Amino acid sequence: MFELSKQFRFDAAHTLQREIETESSRRIHGHSYRAEVVVRGAPDPITGMIIDLGIFERALQEAREGLDHRFLDELNDLGPATMENLAAWVWRKVEPVCKGLCRVVIYRDASGDTCTYFGG
């Protein structure tokens, strides 16, 4: 059994509704994110690969294009722009193409925040 991962970075802006309202959460603000997408499986006996890296790269590029330099509040299928929803959104975008998808991790490196989604 093997795991193969790829990462991409994106910058995006959003507002956020919180239980404890602060002026800064309601203002438009942005973050630099990093997403890691991981597939798990046994290599195909003919190709020797879990997934073709070209297919993997295209799936991640499409997800990145949907998020990078966007106002996340305007994405109809995201919901509130939380790290949890970003991880689930990336999963939904790449899962149809990435057989063996096992987790998506969203990082906000500047603040040390991480959220992992395992699907299902």
N, C-alpha and C. Protein backbone atom coordinates (compact mmCIF):
# COMPACT_ATOMS: atom_id res chain seq x y z
N MET A 1 0.85 -1.18 0.00
CA MET A 1 0.00 0.00 0.00
C MET A 1 0.89 1.24 0.00
N PHE A 2 0.53 2.19 -0.83
CA PHE A 2 1.29 3.44 -0.95
C PHE A 2 0.36 4.63 -0.79
N GLU A 3 0.94 5.76 -0.40
CA GLU A 3 0.24 7.04 -0.43
C GLU A 3 1.04 7.98 -1.31
N LEU A 4 0.32 8.73 -2.12
CA LEU A 4 0.93 9.72 -3.00
C LEU A 4 0.22 11.04 -2.75
N SER A 5 0.98 12.11 -2.58
CA SER A 5 0.34 13.39 -2.30
C SER A 5 0.89 14.47 -3.21
N LYS A 6 0.05 15.47 -3.43
CA LYS A 6 0.43 16.68 -4.15
C LYS A 6 -0.15 17.86 -3.38
N GLN A 7 0.50 19.00 -3.53
CA GLN A 7 0.05 20.20 -2.85
C GLN A 7 -0.12 21.33 -3.85
N PHE A 8 -0.99 22.27 -3.48
CA PHE A 8 -1.08 23.51 -4.23
C PHE A 8 -1.37 24.64 -3.25
N ARG A 9 -1.03 25.83 -3.66
CA ARG A 9 -1.23 27.02 -2.84
C ARG A 9 -2.27 27.92 -3.49
N PHE A 10 -3.00 28.65 -2.65
CA PHE A 10 -3.94 29.62 -3.17
C PHE A 10 -4.14 30.73 -2.14
N ASP A 11 -4.49 31.89 -2.65
CA ASP A 11 -4.79 33.06 -1.83
C ASP A 11 -6.23 33.42 -2.09
N ALA A 12 -6.98 33.70 -1.03
CA ALA A 12 -8.39 34.00 -1.19
C ALA A 12 -8.87 34.90 -0.06
N ALA A 13 -9.97 35.60 -0.34
CA ALA A 13 -10.56 36.50 0.65
C ALA A 13 -11.95 36.00 1.04
N HIS A 14 -12.41 36.44 2.22
CA HIS A 14 -13.74 36.05 2.68
C HIS A 14 -14.14 36.92 3.86
N THR A 15 -15.38 36.78 4.27
CA THR A 15 -15.85 37.31 5.55
C THR A 15 -16.23 36.08 6.36
N LEU A 16 -16.51 36.27 7.62
CA LEU A 16 -16.81 35.12 8.46
C LEU A 16 -17.82 35.50 9.52
N GLN A 17 -18.89 34.72 9.62
CA GLN A 17 -19.85 34.89 10.71
C GLN A 17 -19.34 34.04 11.87
N ARG A 18 -19.30 34.62 13.06
CA ARG A 18 -18.78 33.91 14.23
C ARG A 18 -19.77 33.98 15.37
N GLU A 19 -19.61 33.05 16.30
CA GLU A 19 -20.41 33.10 17.52
C GLU A 19 -20.09 34.37 18.30
N ILE A 20 -18.81 34.70 18.38
CA ILE A 20 -18.38 35.93 19.03
C ILE A 20 -18.05 36.90 17.91
N GLU A 21 -18.96 37.83 17.66
CA GLU A 21 -18.77 38.78 16.57
C GLU A 21 -17.64 39.75 16.88
N THR A 22 -16.76 39.90 15.93
CA THR A 22 -15.73 40.93 16.02
C THR A 22 -15.79 41.74 14.73
N GLU A 23 -15.37 42.96 14.83
CA GLU A 23 -15.38 43.81 13.64
C GLU A 23 -14.51 43.21 12.55
N SER A 24 -13.37 42.64 12.92
CA SER A 24 -12.45 42.11 11.92
C SER A 24 -12.99 40.89 11.20
N SER A 25 -13.82 40.07 11.83
CA SER A 25 -14.33 38.88 11.16
C SER A 25 -15.37 39.23 10.10
N ARG A 26 -16.10 40.33 10.29
CA ARG A 26 -17.12 40.73 9.32
C ARG A 26 -16.54 41.50 8.15
N ARG A 27 -15.33 42.03 8.32
CA ARG A 27 -14.66 42.73 7.21
C ARG A 27 -14.09 41.70 6.25
N ILE A 28 -13.99 42.09 5.00
CA ILE A 28 -13.32 41.23 4.03
C ILE A 28 -11.85 41.15 4.43
N HIS A 29 -11.35 39.93 4.52
CA HIS A 29 -9.95 39.70 4.81
C HIS A 29 -9.50 38.46 4.06
N GLY A 30 -8.21 38.26 3.95
CA GLY A 30 -7.70 37.15 3.16
C GLY A 30 -6.64 36.34 3.86
N HIS A 31 -6.37 35.19 3.27
CA HIS A 31 -5.37 34.27 3.80
C HIS A 31 -4.61 33.64 2.64
N SER A 32 -3.41 33.18 2.93
CA SER A 32 -2.67 32.31 2.03
C SER A 32 -2.85 30.90 2.54
N TYR A 33 -3.30 30.03 1.67
CA TYR A 33 -3.59 28.64 2.03
C TYR A 33 -2.67 27.70 1.27
N ARG A 34 -2.55 26.50 1.80
CA ARG A 34 -1.89 25.39 1.11
C ARG A 34 -2.81 24.20 1.25
N ALA A 35 -3.05 23.51 0.15
CA ALA A 35 -3.88 22.30 0.19
C ALA A 35 -3.01 21.10 -0.16
N GLU A 36 -3.19 20.03 0.57
CA GLU A 36 -2.52 18.77 0.28
C GLU A 36 -3.60 17.72 0.01
N VAL A 37 -3.46 17.03 -1.11
CA VAL A 37 -4.42 16.00 -1.50
C VAL A 37 -3.67 14.67 -1.55
N VAL A 38 -4.22 13.66 -0.87
CA VAL A 38 -3.52 12.38 -0.72
C VAL A 38 -4.38 11.25 -1.27
N VAL A 39 -3.77 10.42 -2.12
CA VAL A 39 -4.42 9.20 -2.61
C VAL A 39 -3.64 8.01 -2.06
N ARG A 40 -4.37 6.93 -1.82
CA ARG A 40 -3.78 5.72 -1.25
C ARG A 40 -4.20 4.52 -2.10
N GLY A 41 -3.28 3.60 -2.28
CA GLY A 41 -3.63 2.39 -3.00
C GLY A 41 -2.41 1.58 -3.40
N ALA A 42 -2.70 0.50 -4.07
CA ALA A 42 -1.64 -0.34 -4.62
C ALA A 42 -1.39 0.09 -6.06
N PRO A 43 -0.15 0.08 -6.49
CA PRO A 43 0.14 0.47 -7.86
C PRO A 43 -0.53 -0.48 -8.86
N ASP A 44 -0.99 0.10 -9.95
CA ASP A 44 -1.53 -0.69 -11.04
C ASP A 44 -0.43 -1.62 -11.56
N PRO A 45 -0.72 -2.90 -11.77
CA PRO A 45 0.35 -3.82 -12.19
C PRO A 45 0.94 -3.49 -13.57
N ILE A 46 0.19 -2.82 -14.41
CA ILE A 46 0.69 -2.49 -15.74
C ILE A 46 1.48 -1.18 -15.73
N THR A 47 0.92 -0.13 -15.12
CA THR A 47 1.59 1.17 -15.15
C THR A 47 2.57 1.36 -14.01
N GLY A 48 2.37 0.63 -12.92
CA GLY A 48 3.22 0.79 -11.75
C GLY A 48 2.87 2.03 -10.92
N MET A 49 1.72 2.67 -11.24
CA MET A 49 1.34 3.90 -10.55
C MET A 49 0.02 3.71 -9.80
N ILE A 50 -0.12 4.45 -8.69
CA ILE A 50 -1.41 4.54 -8.00
C ILE A 50 -2.35 5.38 -8.85
N ILE A 51 -1.82 6.50 -9.33
CA ILE A 51 -2.57 7.42 -10.19
C ILE A 51 -1.56 8.08 -11.12
N ASP A 52 -1.96 8.30 -12.33
CA ASP A 52 -1.11 9.01 -13.28
C ASP A 52 -0.91 10.44 -12.76
N LEU A 53 0.34 10.86 -12.60
CA LEU A 53 0.61 12.19 -12.04
C LEU A 53 0.07 13.32 -12.92
N GLY A 54 -0.04 13.10 -14.21
CA GLY A 54 -0.63 14.11 -15.09
C GLY A 54 -2.10 14.31 -14.79
N ILE A 55 -2.82 13.23 -14.57
CA ILE A 55 -4.25 13.31 -14.21
C ILE A 55 -4.40 13.96 -12.84
N PHE A 56 -3.55 13.57 -11.91
CA PHE A 56 -3.57 14.12 -10.56
C PHE A 56 -3.33 15.64 -10.61
N GLU A 57 -2.32 16.04 -11.36
CA GLU A 57 -1.99 17.46 -11.48
C GLU A 57 -3.14 18.27 -12.08
N ARG A 58 -3.78 17.75 -13.13
CA ARG A 58 -4.91 18.46 -13.75
C ARG A 58 -6.07 18.62 -12.78
N ALA A 59 -6.36 17.60 -12.00
CA ALA A 59 -7.45 17.68 -11.03
C ALA A 59 -7.17 18.75 -9.98
N LEU A 60 -5.95 18.81 -9.50
CA LEU A 60 -5.59 19.81 -8.51
C LEU A 60 -5.55 21.21 -9.11
N GLN A 61 -5.13 21.32 -10.35
CA GLN A 61 -5.10 22.63 -11.00
C GLN A 61 -6.51 23.19 -11.15
N GLU A 62 -7.46 22.34 -11.50
CA GLU A 62 -8.85 22.79 -11.61
C GLU A 62 -9.38 23.26 -10.25
N ALA A 63 -9.06 22.53 -9.19
CA ALA A 63 -9.49 22.95 -7.85
C ALA A 63 -8.84 24.27 -7.48
N ARG A 64 -7.57 24.40 -7.75
CA ARG A 64 -6.85 25.64 -7.44
C ARG A 64 -7.46 26.82 -8.17
N GLU A 65 -7.75 26.65 -9.44
CA GLU A 65 -8.34 27.74 -10.23
C GLU A 65 -9.69 28.18 -9.68
N GLY A 66 -10.42 27.25 -9.05
CA GLY A 66 -11.69 27.59 -8.46
C GLY A 66 -11.58 28.38 -7.17
N LEU A 67 -10.38 28.40 -6.55
CA LEU A 67 -10.18 29.06 -5.26
C LEU A 67 -9.23 30.25 -5.29
N ASP A 68 -8.22 30.19 -6.13
CA ASP A 68 -7.15 31.19 -6.08
C ASP A 68 -7.63 32.57 -6.50
N HIS A 69 -7.33 33.55 -5.66
CA HIS A 69 -7.71 34.95 -5.88
C HIS A 69 -9.21 35.12 -6.08
N ARG A 70 -9.96 34.37 -5.28
CA ARG A 70 -11.43 34.45 -5.31
C ARG A 70 -11.93 35.04 -4.00
N PHE A 71 -13.14 35.58 -4.07
CA PHE A 71 -13.87 35.99 -2.87
C PHE A 71 -14.73 34.79 -2.51
N LEU A 72 -14.32 34.04 -1.51
CA LEU A 72 -14.91 32.74 -1.20
C LEU A 72 -16.39 32.82 -0.85
N ASP A 73 -16.84 33.94 -0.34
CA ASP A 73 -18.27 34.11 -0.03
C ASP A 73 -19.14 33.95 -1.27
N GLU A 74 -18.57 34.14 -2.45
CA GLU A 74 -19.32 34.06 -3.70
C GLU A 74 -19.37 32.66 -4.30
N LEU A 75 -18.69 31.69 -3.71
CA LEU A 75 -18.73 30.31 -4.22
C LEU A 75 -20.01 29.65 -3.72
N ASN A 76 -20.94 29.38 -4.62
CA ASN A 76 -22.24 28.83 -4.24
C ASN A 76 -22.16 27.48 -3.54
N ASP A 77 -21.19 26.67 -3.88
CA ASP A 77 -21.12 25.31 -3.33
C ASP A 77 -20.10 25.15 -2.21
N LEU A 78 -19.68 26.28 -1.58
CA LEU A 78 -18.71 26.20 -0.49
C LEU A 78 -19.37 26.29 0.89
N GLY A 79 -20.31 27.18 1.05
CA GLY A 79 -20.85 27.47 2.38
C GLY A 79 -19.96 28.48 3.05
N PRO A 80 -20.07 28.65 4.37
CA PRO A 80 -19.18 29.59 5.05
C PRO A 80 -17.71 29.23 4.77
N ALA A 81 -16.88 30.21 4.56
CA ALA A 81 -15.49 29.97 4.12
C ALA A 81 -14.60 29.57 5.29
N THR A 82 -14.89 28.40 5.83
CA THR A 82 -14.07 27.84 6.92
C THR A 82 -13.05 26.88 6.34
N MET A 83 -12.05 26.56 7.11
CA MET A 83 -11.07 25.56 6.66
C MET A 83 -11.75 24.21 6.45
N GLU A 84 -12.73 23.91 7.30
CA GLU A 84 -13.46 22.65 7.16
C GLU A 84 -14.17 22.58 5.81
N ASN A 85 -14.87 23.66 5.46
CA ASN A 85 -15.59 23.67 4.19
C ASN A 85 -14.64 23.71 3.00
N LEU A 86 -13.50 24.37 3.13
CA LEU A 86 -12.52 24.35 2.04
C LEU A 86 -12.00 22.94 1.80
N ALA A 87 -11.70 22.21 2.86
CA ALA A 87 -11.20 20.84 2.70
C ALA A 87 -12.25 19.95 2.03
N ALA A 88 -13.51 20.06 2.46
CA ALA A 88 -14.58 19.26 1.85
C ALA A 88 -14.81 19.69 0.40
N TRP A 89 -14.69 20.97 0.09
CA TRP A 89 -14.88 21.47 -1.27
C TRP A 89 -13.81 20.90 -2.20
N VAL A 90 -12.55 20.94 -1.76
CA VAL A 90 -11.47 20.37 -2.57
C VAL A 90 -11.73 18.88 -2.79
N TRP A 91 -12.14 18.17 -1.74
CA TRP A 91 -12.46 16.74 -1.88
C TRP A 91 -13.49 16.53 -2.98
N ARG A 92 -14.58 17.28 -2.94
CA ARG A 92 -15.66 17.11 -3.93
C ARG A 92 -15.17 17.38 -5.35
N LYS A 93 -14.23 18.30 -5.50
CA LYS A 93 -13.74 18.65 -6.83
C LYS A 93 -12.81 17.59 -7.40
N VAL A 94 -11.97 16.99 -6.56
CA VAL A 94 -10.96 16.06 -7.09
C VAL A 94 -11.39 14.59 -6.99
N GLU A 95 -12.33 14.27 -6.12
CA GLU A 95 -12.71 12.87 -5.89
C GLU A 95 -13.18 12.14 -7.15
N PRO A 96 -13.93 12.77 -8.05
CA PRO A 96 -14.35 12.02 -9.25
C PRO A 96 -13.19 11.56 -10.12
N VAL A 97 -12.06 12.24 -10.05
CA VAL A 97 -10.92 11.92 -10.90
C VAL A 97 -9.85 11.12 -10.16
N CYS A 98 -9.77 11.28 -8.86
CA CYS A 98 -8.68 10.72 -8.07
C CYS A 98 -9.13 9.48 -7.31
N LYS A 99 -9.08 8.34 -7.98
CA LYS A 99 -9.42 7.08 -7.34
C LYS A 99 -8.45 6.85 -6.18
N GLY A 100 -8.98 6.42 -5.04
CA GLY A 100 -8.15 6.17 -3.87
C GLY A 100 -7.92 7.40 -3.01
N LEU A 101 -8.67 8.49 -3.28
CA LEU A 101 -8.53 9.69 -2.46
C LEU A 101 -8.78 9.32 -1.00
N CYS A 102 -7.86 9.70 -0.11
CA CYS A 102 -8.04 9.32 1.30
C CYS A 102 -8.06 10.50 2.25
N ARG A 103 -7.50 11.65 1.85
CA ARG A 103 -7.61 12.83 2.71
C ARG A 103 -7.22 14.09 1.96
N VAL A 104 -7.77 15.19 2.46
CA VAL A 104 -7.43 16.53 1.98
C VAL A 104 -7.09 17.35 3.22
N VAL A 105 -5.95 18.02 3.17
CA VAL A 105 -5.52 18.85 4.30
C VAL A 105 -5.41 20.29 3.81
N ILE A 106 -5.99 21.20 4.57
CA ILE A 106 -5.87 22.63 4.30
C ILE A 106 -4.99 23.23 5.39
N TYR A 107 -3.99 23.98 4.97
CA TYR A 107 -3.05 24.63 5.88
C TYR A 107 -3.14 26.14 5.72
N ARG A 108 -3.09 26.85 6.83
CA ARG A 108 -2.83 28.29 6.84
C ARG A 108 -1.51 28.43 7.58
N ASP A 109 -0.44 28.34 6.82
CA ASP A 109 0.90 28.27 7.42
C ASP A 109 1.23 29.49 8.28
N ALA A 110 0.78 30.67 7.89
CA ALA A 110 1.12 31.88 8.64
C ALA A 110 0.61 31.83 10.07
N SER A 111 -0.51 31.15 10.28
CA SER A 111 -1.08 31.09 11.63
C SER A 111 -0.91 29.71 12.27
N GLY A 112 -0.37 28.75 11.53
CA GLY A 112 -0.16 27.41 12.07
C GLY A 112 -1.43 26.56 12.14
N ASP A 113 -2.47 26.94 11.41
CA ASP A 113 -3.74 26.21 11.43
C ASP A 113 -3.76 25.12 10.37
N THR A 114 -4.37 23.98 10.72
CA THR A 114 -4.48 22.85 9.81
C THR A 114 -5.84 22.19 10.01
N CYS A 115 -6.45 21.77 8.91
CA CYS A 115 -7.71 21.01 8.98
C CYS A 115 -7.63 19.86 8.00
N THR A 116 -7.94 18.66 8.45
CA THR A 116 -7.90 17.46 7.62
C THR A 116 -9.29 16.89 7.43
N TYR A 117 -9.62 16.58 6.18
CA TYR A 117 -10.90 15.97 5.84
C TYR A 117 -10.65 14.58 5.27
N PHE A 118 -11.39 13.59 5.78
CA PHE A 118 -11.22 12.21 5.37
C PHE A 118 -12.35 11.70 4.49
N GLY A 119 -13.29 12.55 4.12
CA GLY A 119 -14.37 12.15 3.25
C GLY A 119 -15.48 11.42 3.99
N GLY A 120 -16.52 11.13 3.23
CA GLY A 120 -17.62 10.37 3.78
C GLY A 120 -18.50 11.17 4.66
